[in-house]
Amino acid sequence: MLPRASGDAQVTRHPLRSLIRRFDAFQRRRQGVYEYCNTPDCVLRIQVTQAHHALEFGDISVADGQPVIEIHFWNEHLPVAPAGGPDPGWGLGIQRAFIASLRALARLMKNDPALASVQAVCGVLALLSPGDHPAGVRLMERMGFTVRPYYRPLGRFGEFWANFYSWWIIWTYNPASLRGRRLDRLERMEIWMQADDFLHRYG
């Protein structure tokens, strides 16, 4: 079983982190983000929502408003970064857990009639430094996702606050992963895969 960020006593005790955890839980309930797999190594939650904009590129074709599954990291289940900061072993642990979580999602999509109309699986990645960008994009592409620039519904102002919130969430659940990283270097990217392709690859 992978170590969990919530198991770090120093992280848990900080009063500001406790406040952010409660606010994060409130946001998940408000947005309908839920756990779809009860295994301790699952590192994803999902939100059944609608595409916020039409997408036509490569193998992806999604109309505005069509049902999609948006994946979110289950922060409490992510491997704890080493005290010295992220290293290859930590990254490999997250990659393996991420793939296992995608496979669990594919099983759910096959067996849950409520998800039969879903057109795509998508998500937003927060890349913490320019050095993460090409490696992170290549990794997602190897996993079958199409990577696109982040769609800014509220422009750069909205993206700044989304990045700010992501930074505090990472600081709350896995602060060592921020070592050597800067908020102003954080970049958001979207990942997309057609539902049929997703089931073929991970089902």
C-alpha atoms as a PDB file:
ATOM      1  CA  MET A   1       0.000   0.000   0.000  1.00  0.00           C
ATOM      2  CA  LEU A   2       1.275   3.475  -0.850  1.00  0.00           C
ATOM      3  CA  PRO A   3       1.964   5.889   2.044  1.00  0.00           C
ATOM      4  CA  ARG A   4      -0.672   8.579   2.379  1.00  0.00           C
ATOM      5  CA  ALA A   5      -0.161  12.312   2.790  1.00  0.00           C
ATOM      6  CA  SER A   6      -2.761  12.297   5.573  1.00  0.00           C
ATOM      7  CA  GLY A   7      -0.519   9.993   7.606  1.00  0.00           C
ATOM      8  CA  ASP A   8       2.027  12.755   8.162  1.00  0.00           C
ATOM      9  CA  ALA A   9       1.346  13.958  11.715  1.00  0.00           C
ATOM     10  CA  GLN A  10       3.010  17.344  11.191  1.00  0.00           C
ATOM     11  CA  VAL A  11       0.854  18.012   8.137  1.00  0.00           C
ATOM     12  CA  THR A  12      -2.340  17.011   9.940  1.00  0.00           C
ATOM     13  CA  ARG A  13      -1.757  19.150  13.048  1.00  0.00           C
ATOM     14  CA  HIS A  14      -1.360  22.510  11.287  1.00  0.00           C
ATOM     15  CA  PRO A  15      -4.565  24.561  11.915  1.00  0.00           C
ATOM     16  CA  LEU A  16      -4.490  26.233   8.482  1.00  0.00           C
ATOM     17  CA  ARG A  17      -4.196  22.843   6.801  1.00  0.00           C
ATOM     18  CA  SER A  18      -7.185  21.605   8.789  1.00  0.00           C
ATOM     19  CA  LEU A  19      -9.201  24.597   7.566  1.00  0.00           C
ATOM     20  CA  ILE A  20      -8.192  23.991   3.952  1.00  0.00           C
ATOM     21  CA  ARG A  21      -9.122  20.306   4.255  1.00  0.00           C
ATOM     22  CA  ARG A  22     -12.608  21.235   5.456  1.00  0.00           C
ATOM     23  CA  PHE A  23     -13.033  23.775   2.662  1.00  0.00           C
ATOM     24  CA  ASP A  24     -11.794  21.257   0.107  1.00  0.00           C
ATOM     25  CA  ALA A  25     -14.342  18.699   1.354  1.00  0.00           C
ATOM     26  CA  PHE A  26     -17.081  21.344   1.071  1.00  0.00           C
ATOM     27  CA  GLN A  27     -16.033  22.112  -2.513  1.00  0.00           C
ATOM     28  CA  ARG A  28     -16.105  18.430  -3.448  1.00  0.00           C
ATOM     29  CA  ARG A  29     -19.626  18.024  -2.081  1.00  0.00           C
ATOM     30  CA  ARG A  30     -20.784  21.170  -3.880  1.00  0.00           C
ATOM     31  CA  GLN A  31     -19.323  20.047  -7.201  1.00  0.00           C
ATOM     32  CA  GLY A  32     -20.383  16.401  -6.925  1.00  0.00           C
ATOM     33  CA  VAL A  33     -16.861  14.958  -6.807  1.00  0.00           C
ATOM     34  CA  TYR A  34     -16.945  11.475  -5.293  1.00  0.00           C
ATOM     35  CA  GLU A  35     -14.885   8.348  -4.626  1.00  0.00           C
ATOM     36  CA  TYR A  36     -15.642   5.559  -7.077  1.00  0.00           C
ATOM     37  CA  CYS A  37     -13.216   2.953  -5.719  1.00  0.00           C
ATOM     38  CA  ASN A  38     -12.656   1.997  -2.080  1.00  0.00           C
ATOM     39  CA  THR A  39      -9.169   0.487  -2.393  1.00  0.00           C
ATOM     40  CA  PRO A  40      -6.473   2.358  -0.430  1.00  0.00           C
ATOM     41  CA  ASP A  41      -4.235   2.678  -3.491  1.00  0.00           C
ATOM     42  CA  CYS A  42      -6.839   4.489  -5.627  1.00  0.00           C
ATOM     43  CA  VAL A  43      -5.575   8.034  -6.153  1.00  0.00           C
ATOM     44  CA  LEU A  44      -8.501   9.455  -8.146  1.00  0.00           C
ATOM     45  CA  ARG A  45     -11.986  10.759  -7.542  1.00  0.00           C
ATOM     46  CA  ILE A  46     -14.437  11.606 -10.319  1.00  0.00           C
ATOM     47  CA  GLN A  47     -17.041  14.181 -11.218  1.00  0.00           C
ATOM     48  CA  VAL A  48     -19.732  13.446 -13.794  1.00  0.00           C
ATOM     49  CA  THR A  49     -20.220  16.790 -15.487  1.00  0.00           C
ATOM     50  CA  GLN A  50     -20.651  18.432 -18.898  1.00  0.00           C
ATOM     51  CA  ALA A  51     -18.005  19.571 -21.355  1.00  0.00           C
ATOM     52  CA  HIS A  52     -17.466  23.292 -20.779  1.00  0.00           C
ATOM     53  CA  HIS A  53     -16.517  23.904 -24.417  1.00  0.00           C
ATOM     54  CA  ALA A  54     -16.579  22.115 -27.763  1.00  0.00           C
ATOM     55  CA  LEU A  55     -13.463  20.132 -28.641  1.00  0.00           C
ATOM     56  CA  GLU A  56     -12.403  19.090 -32.128  1.00  0.00           C
ATOM     57  CA  PHE A  57      -8.783  17.996 -32.396  1.00  0.00           C
ATOM     58  CA  GLY A  58      -7.021  14.776 -33.296  1.00  0.00           C
ATOM     59  CA  ASP A  59      -9.093  11.827 -32.143  1.00  0.00           C
ATOM     60  CA  ILE A  60     -11.157  13.970 -29.769  1.00  0.00           C
ATOM     61  CA  SER A  61     -14.622  15.192 -30.725  1.00  0.00           C
ATOM     62  CA  VAL A  62     -16.798  16.441 -27.876  1.00  0.00           C
ATOM     63  CA  ALA A  63     -19.674  18.892 -28.213  1.00  0.00           C
ATOM     64  CA  ASP A  64     -20.294  21.632 -25.682  1.00  0.00           C
ATOM     65  CA  GLY A  65     -22.572  20.284 -22.941  1.00  0.00           C
ATOM     66  CA  GLN A  66     -22.017  16.569 -23.595  1.00  0.00           C
ATOM     67  CA  PRO A  67     -21.571  14.378 -20.490  1.00  0.00           C
ATOM     68  CA  VAL A  68     -17.974  13.711 -19.506  1.00  0.00           C
ATOM     69  CA  ILE A  69     -16.115  12.264 -16.522  1.00  0.00           C
ATOM     70  CA  GLU A  70     -13.617  14.659 -14.990  1.00  0.00           C
ATOM     71  CA  ILE A  71     -10.930  13.006 -12.881  1.00  0.00           C
ATOM     72  CA  HIS A  72      -9.534  14.625  -9.728  1.00  0.00           C
ATOM     73  CA  PHE A  73      -6.629  13.539  -7.562  1.00  0.00           C
ATOM     74  CA  TRP A  74      -7.636  11.952  -4.257  1.00  0.00           C
ATOM     75  CA  ASN A  75      -5.123  13.968  -2.294  1.00  0.00           C
ATOM     76  CA  GLU A  76      -5.326  11.927   0.887  1.00  0.00           C
ATOM     77  CA  HIS A  77      -4.271   8.806  -1.040  1.00  0.00           C
ATOM     78  CA  LEU A  78      -1.339  10.250  -2.987  1.00  0.00           C
ATOM     79  CA  PRO A  79       2.111   8.915  -2.038  1.00  0.00           C
ATOM     80  CA  VAL A  80       3.943  11.212   0.361  1.00  0.00           C
ATOM     81  CA  ALA A  81       6.885  12.961  -1.303  1.00  0.00           C
ATOM     82  CA  PRO A  82      10.270  12.389   0.391  1.00  0.00           C
ATOM     83  CA  ALA A  83      11.402  15.102   2.787  1.00  0.00           C
ATOM     84  CA  GLY A  84      14.069  16.173   0.291  1.00  0.00           C
ATOM     85  CA  GLY A  85      11.487  16.704  -2.436  1.00  0.00           C
ATOM     86  CA  PRO A  86      10.164  14.628  -5.352  1.00  0.00           C
ATOM     87  CA  ASP A  87      12.429  11.879  -6.708  1.00  0.00           C
ATOM     88  CA  PRO A  88      12.040   9.261  -9.490  1.00  0.00           C
ATOM     89  CA  GLY A  89      10.792   6.590  -7.087  1.00  0.00           C
ATOM     90  CA  TRP A  90       8.014   8.844  -5.830  1.00  0.00           C
ATOM     91  CA  GLY A  91       7.022   9.764  -9.379  1.00  0.00           C
ATOM     92  CA  LEU A  92       6.943   6.107 -10.406  1.00  0.00           C
ATOM     93  CA  GLY A  93       4.719   5.271  -7.436  1.00  0.00           C
ATOM     94  CA  ILE A  94       2.204   7.936  -8.464  1.00  0.00           C
ATOM     95  CA  GLN A  95       2.322   6.765 -12.088  1.00  0.00           C
ATOM     96  CA  ARG A  96       1.553   3.157 -11.136  1.00  0.00           C
ATOM     97  CA  ALA A  97      -1.266   4.185  -8.805  1.00  0.00           C
ATOM     98  CA  PHE A  98      -2.672   6.516 -11.464  1.00  0.00           C
ATOM     99  CA  ILE A  99      -2.819   3.712 -14.042  1.00  0.00           C
ATOM    100  CA  ALA A 100      -4.414   1.323 -11.541  1.00  0.00           C
ATOM    101  CA  SER A 101      -7.016   3.996 -10.738  1.00  0.00           C
ATOM    102  CA  LEU A 102      -7.790   4.468 -14.444  1.00  0.00           C
ATOM    103  CA  ARG A 103      -8.355   0.728 -14.774  1.00  0.00           C
ATOM    104  CA  ALA A 104     -10.747   0.810 -11.817  1.00  0.00           C
ATOM    105  CA  LEU A 105     -12.593   3.686 -13.479  1.00  0.00           C
ATOM    106  CA  ALA A 106     -12.908   1.723 -16.725  1.00  0.00           C
ATOM    107  CA  ARG A 107     -14.473  -1.182 -14.787  1.00  0.00           C
ATOM    108  CA  LEU A 108     -16.967   1.237 -13.249  1.00  0.00           C
ATOM    109  CA  MET A 109     -17.845   2.721 -16.643  1.00  0.00           C
ATOM    110  CA  LYS A 110     -18.506  -0.751 -18.049  1.00  0.00           C
ATOM    111  CA  ASN A 111     -20.769  -1.767 -15.170  1.00  0.00           C
ATOM    112  CA  ASP A 112     -22.653   1.424 -14.275  1.00  0.00           C
ATOM    113  CA  PRO A 113     -25.559   2.189 -16.676  1.00  0.00           C
ATOM    114  CA  ALA A 114     -25.598   5.790 -15.427  1.00  0.00           C
ATOM    115  CA  LEU A 115     -22.235   6.326 -17.156  1.00  0.00           C
ATOM    116  CA  ALA A 116     -23.253   4.821 -20.507  1.00  0.00           C
ATOM    117  CA  SER A 117     -23.740   8.236 -22.124  1.00  0.00           C
ATOM    118  CA  VAL A 118     -20.337   9.631 -21.085  1.00  0.00           C
ATOM    119  CA  GLN A 119     -18.444  10.841 -24.153  1.00  0.00           C
ATOM    120  CA  ALA A 120     -14.969  11.423 -22.744  1.00  0.00           C
ATOM    121  CA  VAL A 121     -12.681  11.239 -19.730  1.00  0.00           C
ATOM    122  CA  CYS A 122     -10.850  14.457 -18.936  1.00  0.00           C
ATOM    123  CA  GLY A 123      -8.926  16.279 -16.240  1.00  0.00           C
ATOM    124  CA  VAL A 124      -6.769  19.294 -15.450  1.00  0.00           C
ATOM    125  CA  LEU A 125      -3.112  18.894 -14.500  1.00  0.00           C
ATOM    126  CA  ALA A 126      -1.150  21.483 -12.554  1.00  0.00           C
ATOM    127  CA  LEU A 127       2.476  21.268 -13.715  1.00  0.00           C
ATOM    128  CA  LEU A 128       4.692  22.853 -11.112  1.00  0.00           C
ATOM    129  CA  SER A 129       7.645  24.003 -13.189  1.00  0.00           C
ATOM    130  CA  PRO A 130       8.665  24.417 -16.823  1.00  0.00           C
ATOM    131  CA  GLY A 131      10.766  21.270 -16.471  1.00  0.00           C
ATOM    132  CA  ASP A 132       7.620  19.290 -15.681  1.00  0.00           C
ATOM    133  CA  HIS A 133       5.913  20.411 -18.865  1.00  0.00           C
ATOM    134  CA  PRO A 134       7.454  18.232 -21.624  1.00  0.00           C
ATOM    135  CA  ALA A 135       7.887  15.196 -19.376  1.00  0.00           C
ATOM    136  CA  GLY A 136       4.342  15.471 -18.023  1.00  0.00           C
ATOM    137  CA  VAL A 137       2.879  15.900 -21.502  1.00  0.00           C
ATOM    138  CA  ARG A 138       4.808  12.918 -22.868  1.00  0.00           C
ATOM    139  CA  LEU A 139       3.688  10.747 -19.960  1.00  0.00           C
ATOM    140  CA  MET A 140       0.014  11.617 -20.480  1.00  0.00           C
ATOM    141  CA  GLU A 141       0.338  10.992 -24.203  1.00  0.00           C
ATOM    142  CA  ARG A 142       1.903   7.595 -23.572  1.00  0.00           C
ATOM    143  CA  MET A 143      -1.123   6.815 -21.424  1.00  0.00           C
ATOM    144  CA  GLY A 144      -3.384   7.628 -24.378  1.00  0.00           C
ATOM    145  CA  PHE A 145      -4.521  11.135 -23.417  1.00  0.00           C
ATOM    146  CA  THR A 146      -4.562  14.128 -25.708  1.00  0.00           C
ATOM    147  CA  VAL A 147      -3.019  17.124 -23.933  1.00  0.00           C
ATOM    148  CA  ARG A 148      -4.363  20.601 -24.583  1.00  0.00           C
ATOM    149  CA  PRO A 149      -3.692  24.073 -23.159  1.00  0.00           C
ATOM    150  CA  TYR A 150      -5.962  24.933 -20.259  1.00  0.00           C
ATOM    151  CA  TYR A 151      -9.296  26.442 -21.262  1.00  0.00           C
ATOM    152  CA  ARG A 152      -9.643  29.721 -19.346  1.00  0.00           C
ATOM    153  CA  PRO A 153     -13.354  30.353 -18.745  1.00  0.00           C
ATOM    154  CA  LEU A 154     -12.482  33.410 -16.621  1.00  0.00           C
ATOM    155  CA  GLY A 155      -9.315  34.429 -18.437  1.00  0.00           C
ATOM    156  CA  ARG A 156      -5.885  34.775 -16.858  1.00  0.00           C
ATOM    157  CA  PHE A 157      -7.408  36.195 -13.673  1.00  0.00           C
ATOM    158  CA  GLY A 158      -9.442  33.029 -13.156  1.00  0.00           C
ATOM    159  CA  GLU A 159      -6.459  30.818 -13.954  1.00  0.00           C
ATOM    160  CA  PHE A 160      -4.335  32.643 -11.368  1.00  0.00           C
ATOM    161  CA  TRP A 161      -6.858  31.904  -8.613  1.00  0.00           C
ATOM    162  CA  ALA A 162      -7.227  28.299  -9.773  1.00  0.00           C
ATOM    163  CA  ASN A 163      -3.437  27.943  -9.550  1.00  0.00           C
ATOM    164  CA  PHE A 164      -3.406  29.643  -6.158  1.00  0.00           C
ATOM    165  CA  TYR A 165      -6.002  27.197  -4.843  1.00  0.00           C
ATOM    166  CA  SER A 166      -4.103  24.218  -6.296  1.00  0.00           C
ATOM    167  CA  TRP A 167      -0.918  25.420  -4.616  1.00  0.00           C
ATOM    168  CA  TRP A 168      -2.565  25.559  -1.199  1.00  0.00           C
ATOM    169  CA  ILE A 169      -4.139  22.135  -1.706  1.00  0.00           C
ATOM    170  CA  ILE A 170      -0.717  20.632  -2.499  1.00  0.00           C
ATOM    171  CA  TRP A 171       0.802  22.438   0.499  1.00  0.00           C
ATOM    172  CA  THR A 172      -1.947  21.012   2.690  1.00  0.00           C
ATOM    173  CA  TYR A 173      -1.764  17.383   1.631  1.00  0.00           C
ATOM    174  CA  ASN A 174       1.772  16.851   0.319  1.00  0.00           C
ATOM    175  CA  PRO A 175       3.979  19.863   1.109  1.00  0.00           C
ATOM    176  CA  ALA A 176       7.320  18.185   0.407  1.00  0.00           C
ATOM    177  CA  SER A 177       6.319  17.861  -3.252  1.00  0.00           C
ATOM    178  CA  LEU A 178       6.556  21.677  -3.497  1.00  0.00           C
ATOM    179  CA  ARG A 179      10.242  21.744  -2.544  1.00  0.00           C
ATOM    180  CA  GLY A 180      12.146  23.755  -5.156  1.00  0.00           C
ATOM    181  CA  ARG A 181       8.901  24.742  -6.927  1.00  0.00           C
ATOM    182  CA  ARG A 182       7.333  28.200  -7.307  1.00  0.00           C
ATOM    183  CA  LEU A 183       3.718  29.270  -7.590  1.00  0.00           C
ATOM    184  CA  ASP A 184       4.429  31.598 -10.507  1.00  0.00           C
ATOM    185  CA  ARG A 185       5.815  28.641 -12.498  1.00  0.00           C
ATOM    186  CA  LEU A 186       2.684  26.548 -12.140  1.00  0.00           C
ATOM    187  CA  GLU A 187       1.023  25.785 -15.470  1.00  0.00           C
ATOM    188  CA  ARG A 188      -2.344  24.125 -16.104  1.00  0.00           C
ATOM    189  CA  MET A 189      -3.005  21.650 -18.909  1.00  0.00           C
ATOM    190  CA  GLU A 190      -6.085  19.664 -19.913  1.00  0.00           C
ATOM    191  CA  ILE A 191      -6.058  15.938 -20.703  1.00  0.00           C
ATOM    192  CA  TRP A 192      -8.768  14.285 -22.804  1.00  0.00           C
ATOM    193  CA  MET A 193      -9.641  10.806 -24.089  1.00  0.00           C
ATOM    194  CA  GLN A 194     -12.767   9.606 -25.868  1.00  0.00           C
ATOM    195  CA  ALA A 195     -14.774   7.208 -23.699  1.00  0.00           C
ATOM    196  CA  ASP A 196     -14.529   4.365 -26.230  1.00  0.00           C
ATOM    197  CA  ASP A 197     -10.768   4.752 -26.481  1.00  0.00           C
ATOM    198  CA  PHE A 198     -10.491   4.899 -22.701  1.00  0.00           C
ATOM    199  CA  LEU A 199     -12.430   1.663 -22.269  1.00  0.00           C
ATOM    200  CA  HIS A 200     -10.399  -0.038 -24.985  1.00  0.00           C
ATOM    201  CA  ARG A 201      -7.111   0.948 -23.342  1.00  0.00           C
ATOM    202  CA  TYR A 202      -7.974   0.494 -19.660  1.00  0.00           C
ATOM    203  CA  GLY A 203     -10.975  -1.838 -19.671  1.00  0.00           C
END
